[in-house]
PDB file of N, CA and C in Angstrom:
ATOM      1  N   MET A   1      86.632 135.050 110.068  1.00  0.00           N
ATOM      2  CA  MET A   1      86.118 134.157 109.039  1.00  0.00           C
ATOM      3  C   MET A   1      87.199 133.977 107.975  1.00  0.00           C
ATOM      4  N   LYS A   2      87.404 132.735 107.594  1.00  0.00           N
ATOM      5  CA  LYS A   2      88.370 132.418 106.548  1.00  0.00           C
ATOM      6  C   LYS A   2      87.841 132.910 105.207  1.00  0.00           C
ATOM      7  N   GLN A   3      88.732 133.461 104.399  1.00  0.00           N
ATOM      8  CA  GLN A   3      88.402 133.932 103.054  1.00  0.00           C
ATOM      9  C   GLN A   3      89.135 133.070 102.044  1.00  0.00           C
ATOM     10  N   VAL A   4      88.479 132.739 100.946  1.00  0.00           N
ATOM     11  CA  VAL A   4      89.128 132.012  99.857  1.00  0.00           C
ATOM     12  C   VAL A   4      88.737 132.629  98.522  1.00  0.00           C
ATOM     13  N   ASP A   5      89.631 132.470  97.560  1.00  0.00           N
ATOM     14  CA  ASP A   5      89.340 132.821  96.175  1.00  0.00           C
ATOM     15  C   ASP A   5      89.117 131.531  95.414  1.00  0.00           C
ATOM     16  N   LEU A   6      88.108 131.535  94.569  1.00  0.00           N
ATOM     17  CA  LEU A   6      87.842 130.410  93.681  1.00  0.00           C
ATOM     18  C   LEU A   6      88.111 130.883  92.263  1.00  0.00           C
ATOM     19  N   TYR A   7      89.204 130.395  91.679  1.00  0.00           N
ATOM     20  CA  TYR A   7      89.541 130.756  90.311  1.00  0.00           C
ATOM     21  C   TYR A   7      88.693 129.917  89.374  1.00  0.00           C
ATOM     22  N   THR A   8      87.982 130.597  88.489  1.00  0.00           N
ATOM     23  CA  THR A   8      86.944 129.970  87.691  1.00  0.00           C
ATOM     24  C   THR A   8      86.808 130.689  86.347  1.00  0.00           C
ATOM     25  N   THR A   9      85.939 130.160  85.503  1.00  0.00           N
ATOM     26  CA  THR A   9      85.554 130.853  84.284  1.00  0.00           C
ATOM     27  C   THR A   9      84.140 130.427  83.907  1.00  0.00           C
ATOM     28  N   LEU A  10      83.497 131.241  83.143  1.00  0.00           N
ATOM     29  CA  LEU A  10      82.114 131.009  82.734  1.00  0.00           C
ATOM     30  C   LEU A  10      81.973 129.679  82.004  1.00  0.00           C
ATOM     31  N   GLY A  11      80.976 128.902  82.390  1.00  0.00           N
ATOM     32  CA  GLY A  11      80.686 127.643  81.715  1.00  0.00           C
ATOM     33  C   GLY A  11      81.530 126.467  82.167  1.00  0.00           C
ATOM     34  N   CYS A  12      82.298 126.620  83.207  1.00  0.00           N
ATOM     35  CA  CYS A  12      83.158 125.543  83.702  1.00  0.00           C
ATOM     36  C   CYS A  12      82.359 124.676  84.679  1.00  0.00           C
ATOM     37  N   HIS A  13      81.968 123.480  84.240  1.00  0.00           N
ATOM     38  CA  HIS A  13      81.152 122.625  85.100  1.00  0.00           C
ATOM     39  C   HIS A  13      81.941 122.126  86.315  1.00  0.00           C
ATOM     40  N   LEU A  14      83.244 121.949  86.182  1.00  0.00           N
ATOM     41  CA  LEU A  14      84.048 121.553  87.333  1.00  0.00           C
ATOM     42  C   LEU A  14      84.094 122.669  88.372  1.00  0.00           C
ATOM     43  N   CYS A  15      84.113 123.910  87.900  1.00  0.00           N
ATOM     44  CA  CYS A  15      84.098 125.059  88.804  1.00  0.00           C
ATOM     45  C   CYS A  15      82.778 125.117  89.570  1.00  0.00           C
ATOM     46  N   GLU A  16      81.694 124.762  88.905  1.00  0.00           N
ATOM     47  CA  GLU A  16      80.394 124.712  89.575  1.00  0.00           C
ATOM     48  C   GLU A  16      80.402 123.641  90.660  1.00  0.00           C
ATOM     49  N   GLU A  17      81.038 122.510  90.385  1.00  0.00           N
ATOM     50  CA  GLU A  17      81.153 121.452  91.396  1.00  0.00           C
ATOM     51  C   GLU A  17      81.991 121.926  92.579  1.00  0.00           C
ATOM     52  N   ALA A  18      83.086 122.618  92.291  1.00  0.00           N
ATOM     53  CA  ALA A  18      83.939 123.140  93.362  1.00  0.00           C
ATOM     54  C   ALA A  18      83.171 124.159  94.204  1.00  0.00           C
ATOM     55  N   ARG A  19      82.389 125.018  93.558  1.00  0.00           N
ATOM     56  CA  ARG A  19      81.600 126.010  94.297  1.00  0.00           C
ATOM     57  C   ARG A  19      80.575 125.312  95.191  1.00  0.00           C
ATOM     58  N   ALA A  20      79.963 124.253  94.689  1.00  0.00           N
ATOM     59  CA  ALA A  20      78.998 123.505  95.495  1.00  0.00           C
ATOM     60  C   ALA A  20      79.672 122.898  96.726  1.00  0.00           C
ATOM     61  N   LEU A  21      80.889 122.394  96.566  1.00  0.00           N
ATOM     62  CA  LEU A  21      81.625 121.847  97.707  1.00  0.00           C
ATOM     63  C   LEU A  21      81.957 122.944  98.717  1.00  0.00           C
ATOM     64  N   LEU A  22      82.347 124.121  98.230  1.00  0.00           N
ATOM     65  CA  LEU A  22      82.623 125.249  99.123  1.00  0.00           C
ATOM     66  C   LEU A  22      81.360 125.666  99.886  1.00  0.00           C
ATOM     67  N   ASP A  23      80.246 125.721  99.179  1.00  0.00           N
ATOM     68  CA  ASP A  23      78.974 126.078  99.833  1.00  0.00           C
ATOM     69  C   ASP A  23      78.600 125.043 100.885  1.00  0.00           C
ATOM     70  N   GLN A  24      78.811 123.770 100.573  1.00  0.00           N
ATOM     71  CA  GLN A  24      78.534 122.695 101.536  1.00  0.00           C
ATOM     72  C   GLN A  24      79.415 122.864 102.770  1.00  0.00           C
ATOM     73  N   TYR A  25      80.695 123.140 102.568  1.00  0.00           N
ATOM     74  CA  TYR A  25      81.619 123.347 103.683  1.00  0.00           C
ATOM     75  C   TYR A  25      81.148 124.513 104.552  1.00  0.00           C
ATOM     76  N   ALA A  26      80.725 125.597 103.912  1.00  0.00           N
ATOM     77  CA  ALA A  26      80.265 126.777 104.652  1.00  0.00           C
ATOM     78  C   ALA A  26      79.024 126.463 105.480  1.00  0.00           C
ATOM     79  N   ARG A  27      78.164 125.596 104.989  1.00  0.00           N
ATOM     80  CA  ARG A  27      76.952 125.210 105.723  1.00  0.00           C
ATOM     81  C   ARG A  27      77.253 124.234 106.844  1.00  0.00           C
ATOM     82  N   GLU A  28      78.127 123.268 106.582  1.00  0.00           N
ATOM     83  CA  GLU A  28      78.309 122.143 107.498  1.00  0.00           C
ATOM     84  C   GLU A  28      79.494 122.260 108.457  1.00  0.00           C
ATOM     85  N   SER A  29      80.517 122.993 108.084  1.00  0.00           N
ATOM     86  CA  SER A  29      81.734 123.015 108.891  1.00  0.00           C
ATOM     87  C   SER A  29      82.023 124.371 109.511  1.00  0.00           C
ATOM     88  N   ALA A  30      82.215 125.385 108.693  1.00  0.00           N
ATOM     89  CA  ALA A  30      82.559 126.707 109.202  1.00  0.00           C
ATOM     90  C   ALA A  30      82.227 127.753 108.140  1.00  0.00           C
ATOM     91  N   PRO A  31      81.736 128.907 108.571  1.00  0.00           N
ATOM     92  CA  PRO A  31      81.462 129.952 107.579  1.00  0.00           C
ATOM     93  C   PRO A  31      82.761 130.410 106.919  1.00  0.00           C
ATOM     94  N   ILE A  32      82.694 130.622 105.624  1.00  0.00           N
ATOM     95  CA  ILE A  32      83.843 131.128 104.868  1.00  0.00           C
ATOM     96  C   ILE A  32      83.350 132.166 103.877  1.00  0.00           C
ATOM     97  N   GLY A  33      84.215 133.098 103.569  1.00  0.00           N
ATOM     98  CA  GLY A  33      83.938 134.054 102.511  1.00  0.00           C
ATOM     99  C   GLY A  33      84.521 133.516 101.213  1.00  0.00           C
ATOM    100  N   ILE A  34      83.729 133.564 100.151  1.00  0.00           N
ATOM    101  CA  ILE A  34      84.152 133.011  98.863  1.00  0.00           C
ATOM    102  C   ILE A  34      84.102 134.119  97.818  1.00  0.00           C
ATOM    103  N   CYS A  35      85.226 134.373  97.191  1.00  0.00           N
ATOM    104  CA  CYS A  35      85.304 135.354  96.117  1.00  0.00           C
ATOM    105  C   CYS A  35      85.617 134.601  94.826  1.00  0.00           C
ATOM    106  N   GLU A  36      84.689 134.626  93.888  1.00  0.00           N
ATOM    107  CA  GLU A  36      84.940 133.981  92.601  1.00  0.00           C
ATOM    108  C   GLU A  36      85.751 134.928  91.728  1.00  0.00           C
ATOM    109  N   VAL A  37      86.856 134.419  91.201  1.00  0.00           N
ATOM    110  CA  VAL A  37      87.753 135.213  90.370  1.00  0.00           C
ATOM    111  C   VAL A  37      87.678 134.680  88.945  1.00  0.00           C
ATOM    112  N   GLU A  38      87.197 135.513  88.032  1.00  0.00           N
ATOM    113  CA  GLU A  38      87.059 135.147  86.628  1.00  0.00           C
ATOM    114  C   GLU A  38      88.428 135.286  85.953  1.00  0.00           C
ATOM    115  N   ILE A  39      89.001 134.153  85.561  1.00  0.00           N
ATOM    116  CA  ILE A  39      90.364 134.180  85.030  1.00  0.00           C
ATOM    117  C   ILE A  39      90.444 134.748  83.617  1.00  0.00           C
ATOM    118  N   SER A  40      89.353 134.722  82.861  1.00  0.00           N
ATOM    119  CA  SER A  40      89.399 135.185  81.468  1.00  0.00           C
ATOM    120  C   SER A  40      89.580 136.696  81.362  1.00  0.00           C
ATOM    121  N   GLU A  41      89.444 137.398  82.467  1.00  0.00           N
ATOM    122  CA  GLU A  41      89.581 138.859  82.445  1.00  0.00           C
ATOM    123  C   GLU A  41      91.016 139.312  82.643  1.00  0.00           C
ATOM    124  N   SER A  42      91.949 138.377  82.791  1.00  0.00           N
ATOM    125  CA  SER A  42      93.347 138.720  83.032  1.00  0.00           C
ATOM    126  C   SER A  42      94.252 137.726  82.310  1.00  0.00           C
ATOM    127  N   GLU A  43      95.149 138.245  81.482  1.00  0.00           N
ATOM    128  CA  GLU A  43      96.086 137.373  80.774  1.00  0.00           C
ATOM    129  C   GLU A  43      96.959 136.581  81.745  1.00  0.00           C
ATOM    130  N   SER A  44      97.394 137.223  82.827  1.00  0.00           N
ATOM    131  CA  SER A  44      98.264 136.517  83.778  1.00  0.00           C
ATOM    132  C   SER A  44      97.503 135.410  84.501  1.00  0.00           C
ATOM    133  N   LEU A  45      96.245 135.671  84.884  1.00  0.00           N
ATOM    134  CA  LEU A  45      95.448 134.624  85.528  1.00  0.00           C
ATOM    135  C   LEU A  45      95.129 133.505  84.555  1.00  0.00           C
ATOM    136  N   LEU A  46      94.831 133.866  83.330  1.00  0.00           N
ATOM    137  CA  LEU A  46      94.534 132.856  82.310  1.00  0.00           C
ATOM    138  C   LEU A  46      95.751 131.974  82.061  1.00  0.00           C
ATOM    139  N   SER A  47      96.919 132.584  82.025  1.00  0.00           N
ATOM    140  CA  SER A  47      98.144 131.823  81.832  1.00  0.00           C
ATOM    141  C   SER A  47      98.433 130.917  83.029  1.00  0.00           C
ATOM    142  N   ARG A  48      98.187 131.428  84.220  1.00  0.00           N
ATOM    143  CA  ARG A  48      98.506 130.670  85.434  1.00  0.00           C
ATOM    144  C   ARG A  48      97.503 129.553  85.726  1.00  0.00           C
ATOM    145  N   TYR A  49      96.208 129.826  85.500  1.00  0.00           N
ATOM    146  CA  TYR A  49      95.163 128.895  85.927  1.00  0.00           C
ATOM    147  C   TYR A  49      94.355 128.269  84.784  1.00  0.00           C
ATOM    148  N   GLY A  50      94.625 128.643  83.554  1.00  0.00           N
ATOM    149  CA  GLY A  50      93.801 128.223  82.426  1.00  0.00           C
ATOM    150  C   GLY A  50      93.527 126.741  82.325  1.00  0.00           C
ATOM    151  N   VAL A  51      94.528 125.913  82.576  1.00  0.00           N
ATOM    152  CA  VAL A  51      94.335 124.463  82.466  1.00  0.00           C
ATOM    153  C   VAL A  51      94.201 123.813  83.832  1.00  0.00           C
ATOM    154  N   ARG A  52      94.190 124.620  84.905  1.00  0.00           N
ATOM    155  CA  ARG A  52      94.167 124.067  86.263  1.00  0.00           C
ATOM    156  C   ARG A  52      92.838 124.273  86.987  1.00  0.00           C
ATOM    157  N   ILE A  53      91.970 125.133  86.468  1.00  0.00           N
ATOM    158  CA  ILE A  53      90.757 125.463  87.221  1.00  0.00           C
ATOM    159  C   ILE A  53      89.844 124.264  87.355  1.00  0.00           C
ATOM    160  N   PRO A  54      89.084 124.249  88.418  1.00  0.00           N
ATOM    161  CA  PRO A  54      89.008 125.228  89.490  1.00  0.00           C
ATOM    162  C   PRO A  54      90.169 125.099  90.477  1.00  0.00           C
ATOM    163  N   VAL A  55      90.579 126.242  91.001  1.00  0.00           N
ATOM    164  CA  VAL A  55      91.624 126.306  92.017  1.00  0.00           C
ATOM    165  C   VAL A  55      91.108 127.172  93.161  1.00  0.00           C
ATOM    166  N   ILE A  56      91.304 126.695  94.375  1.00  0.00           N
ATOM    167  CA  ILE A  56      90.947 127.467  95.562  1.00  0.00           C
ATOM    168  C   ILE A  56      92.247 127.958  96.185  1.00  0.00           C
ATOM    169  N   ARG A  57      92.289 129.251  96.488  1.00  0.00           N
ATOM    170  CA  ARG A  57      93.468 129.859  97.114  1.00  0.00           C
ATOM    171  C   ARG A  57      93.030 130.487  98.428  1.00  0.00           C
ATOM    172  N   ASP A  58      93.726 130.132  99.504  1.00  0.00           N
ATOM    173  CA  ASP A  58      93.355 130.692 100.803  1.00  0.00           C
ATOM    174  C   ASP A  58      94.131 131.974 101.086  1.00  0.00           C
ATOM    175  N   ASN A  59      93.840 132.587 102.222  1.00  0.00           N
ATOM    176  CA  ASN A  59      94.467 133.864 102.554  1.00  0.00           C
ATOM    177  C   ASN A  59      95.943 133.717 102.932  1.00  0.00           C
ATOM    178  N   LEU A  60      96.429 132.481 103.045  1.00  0.00           N
ATOM    179  CA  LEU A  60      97.852 132.242 103.292  1.00  0.00           C
ATOM    180  C   LEU A  60      98.619 132.016 101.981  1.00  0.00           C
ATOM    181  N   GLY A  61      97.889 132.012 100.861  1.00  0.00           N
ATOM    182  CA  GLY A  61      98.513 131.807  99.563  1.00  0.00           C
ATOM    183  C   GLY A  61      98.621 130.358  99.128  1.00  0.00           C
ATOM    184  N   ARG A  62      98.093 129.444  99.951  1.00  0.00           N
ATOM    185  CA  ARG A  62      98.101 128.023  99.577  1.00  0.00           C
ATOM    186  C   ARG A  62      97.006 127.768  98.553  1.00  0.00           C
ATOM    187  N   GLU A  63      97.236 126.821  97.680  1.00  0.00           N
ATOM    188  CA  GLU A  63      96.271 126.506  96.641  1.00  0.00           C
ATOM    189  C   GLU A  63      95.886 125.030  96.664  1.00  0.00           C
ATOM    190  N   LEU A  64      94.616 124.806  96.373  1.00  0.00           N
ATOM    191  CA  LEU A  64      94.085 123.451  96.204  1.00  0.00           C
ATOM    192  C   LEU A  64      93.496 123.391  94.803  1.00  0.00           C
ATOM    193  N   GLY A  65      94.121 122.575  93.955  1.00  0.00           N
ATOM    194  CA  GLY A  65      93.660 122.459  92.573  1.00  0.00           C
ATOM    195  C   GLY A  65      92.826 121.218  92.356  1.00  0.00           C
ATOM    196  N   TRP A  66      91.995 121.275  91.356  1.00  0.00           N
ATOM    197  CA  TRP A  66      91.136 120.161  90.976  1.00  0.00           C
ATOM    198  C   TRP A  66      91.997 119.029  90.462  1.00  0.00           C
ATOM    199  N   PRO A  67      91.696 117.785  90.726  1.00  0.00           N
ATOM    200  CA  PRO A  67      90.475 117.301  91.365  1.00  0.00           C
ATOM    201  C   PRO A  67      90.623 117.229  92.884  1.00  0.00           C
ATOM    202  N   PHE A  68      89.527 117.529  93.562  1.00  0.00           N
ATOM    203  CA  PHE A  68      89.448 117.346  95.008  1.00  0.00           C
ATOM    204  C   PHE A  68      88.015 117.014  95.376  1.00  0.00           C
ATOM    205  N   ASP A  69      87.862 116.350  96.510  1.00  0.00           N
ATOM    206  CA  ASP A  69      86.533 116.010  97.004  1.00  0.00           C
ATOM    207  C   ASP A  69      86.295 116.771  98.308  1.00  0.00           C
ATOM    208  N   TYR A  70      85.157 116.511  98.936  1.00  0.00           N
ATOM    209  CA  TYR A  70      84.813 117.236 100.156  1.00  0.00           C
ATOM    210  C   TYR A  70      85.840 116.996 101.257  1.00  0.00           C
ATOM    211  N   ALA A  71      86.310 115.760 101.406  1.00  0.00           N
ATOM    212  CA  ALA A  71      87.285 115.448 102.453  1.00  0.00           C
ATOM    213  C   ALA A  71      88.585 116.225 102.246  1.00  0.00           C
ATOM    214  N   ALA A  72      89.046 116.309 101.005  1.00  0.00           N
ATOM    215  CA  ALA A  72      90.271 117.061 100.712  1.00  0.00           C
ATOM    216  C   ALA A  72      90.060 118.549 100.959  1.00  0.00           C
ATOM    217  N   LEU A  73      88.891 119.056 100.584  1.00  0.00           N
ATOM    218  CA  LEU A  73      88.580 120.465 100.824  1.00  0.00           C
ATOM    219  C   LEU A  73      88.532 120.762 102.316  1.00  0.00           C
ATOM    220  N   GLU A  74      87.889 119.885 103.066  1.00  0.00           N
ATOM    221  CA  GLU A  74      87.785 120.054 104.496  1.00  0.00           C
ATOM    222  C   GLU A  74      89.179 120.046 105.158  1.00  0.00           C
ATOM    223  N   ALA A  75      90.040 119.147 104.721  1.00  0.00           N
ATOM    224  CA  ALA A  75      91.402 119.098 105.255  1.00  0.00           C
ATOM    225  C   ALA A  75      92.166 120.361 104.905  1.00  0.00           C
ATOM    226  N   PHE A  76      92.025 120.825 103.668  1.00  0.00           N
ATOM    227  CA  PHE A  76      92.709 122.038 103.202  1.00  0.00           C
ATOM    228  C   PHE A  76      92.249 123.261 104.007  1.00  0.00           C
ATOM    229  N   LEU A  77      90.959 123.425 104.146  1.00  0.00           N
ATOM    230  CA  LEU A  77      90.429 124.603 104.839  1.00  0.00           C
ATOM    231  C   LEU A  77      90.603 124.517 106.346  1.00  0.00           C
ATOM    232  N   GLY A  78      90.767 123.320 106.869  1.00  0.00           N
ATOM    233  CA  GLY A  78      90.946 123.153 108.299  1.00  0.00           C
ATOM    234  C   GLY A  78      92.363 123.423 108.775  1.00  0.00           C
ATOM    235  N   GLU A  79      93.302 123.456 107.838  1.00  0.00           N
ATOM    236  CA  GLU A  79      94.701 123.719 108.195  1.00  0.00           C
ATOM    237  C   GLU A  79      94.884 125.205 108.472  1.00  0.00           C
ATOM    238  N   ASP A  80      95.639 125.511 109.508  1.00  0.00           N
ATOM    239  CA  ASP A  80      95.886 126.913 109.849  1.00  0.00           C
ATOM    240  C   ASP A  80      97.261 127.394 109.429  1.00  0.00           C
ATOM    241  N   THR A  81      98.115 126.485 109.012  1.00  0.00           N
ATOM    242  CA  THR A  81      99.464 126.897 108.632  1.00  0.00           C
ATOM    243  C   THR A  81      99.769 126.460 107.221  1.00  0.00           C
TER     244      THR A  81
END
């Protein structure tokens, strides 16, 4: 099963939209493990992702930053390399 991290923070409505797209992908395309990473708990994460969230990072280290739609998410998660 593919694993992804969703970089997020409390109260981020765009992050909620990204999570909904991930949940939709898991239901409709392929099961995935989703780990939500709260960026406010780390200065380095806050510095790296503060103005970019939501960001999805796969187990290969590739990142998909907002804005993205379901088609872009599906293409990103469907890539193996």
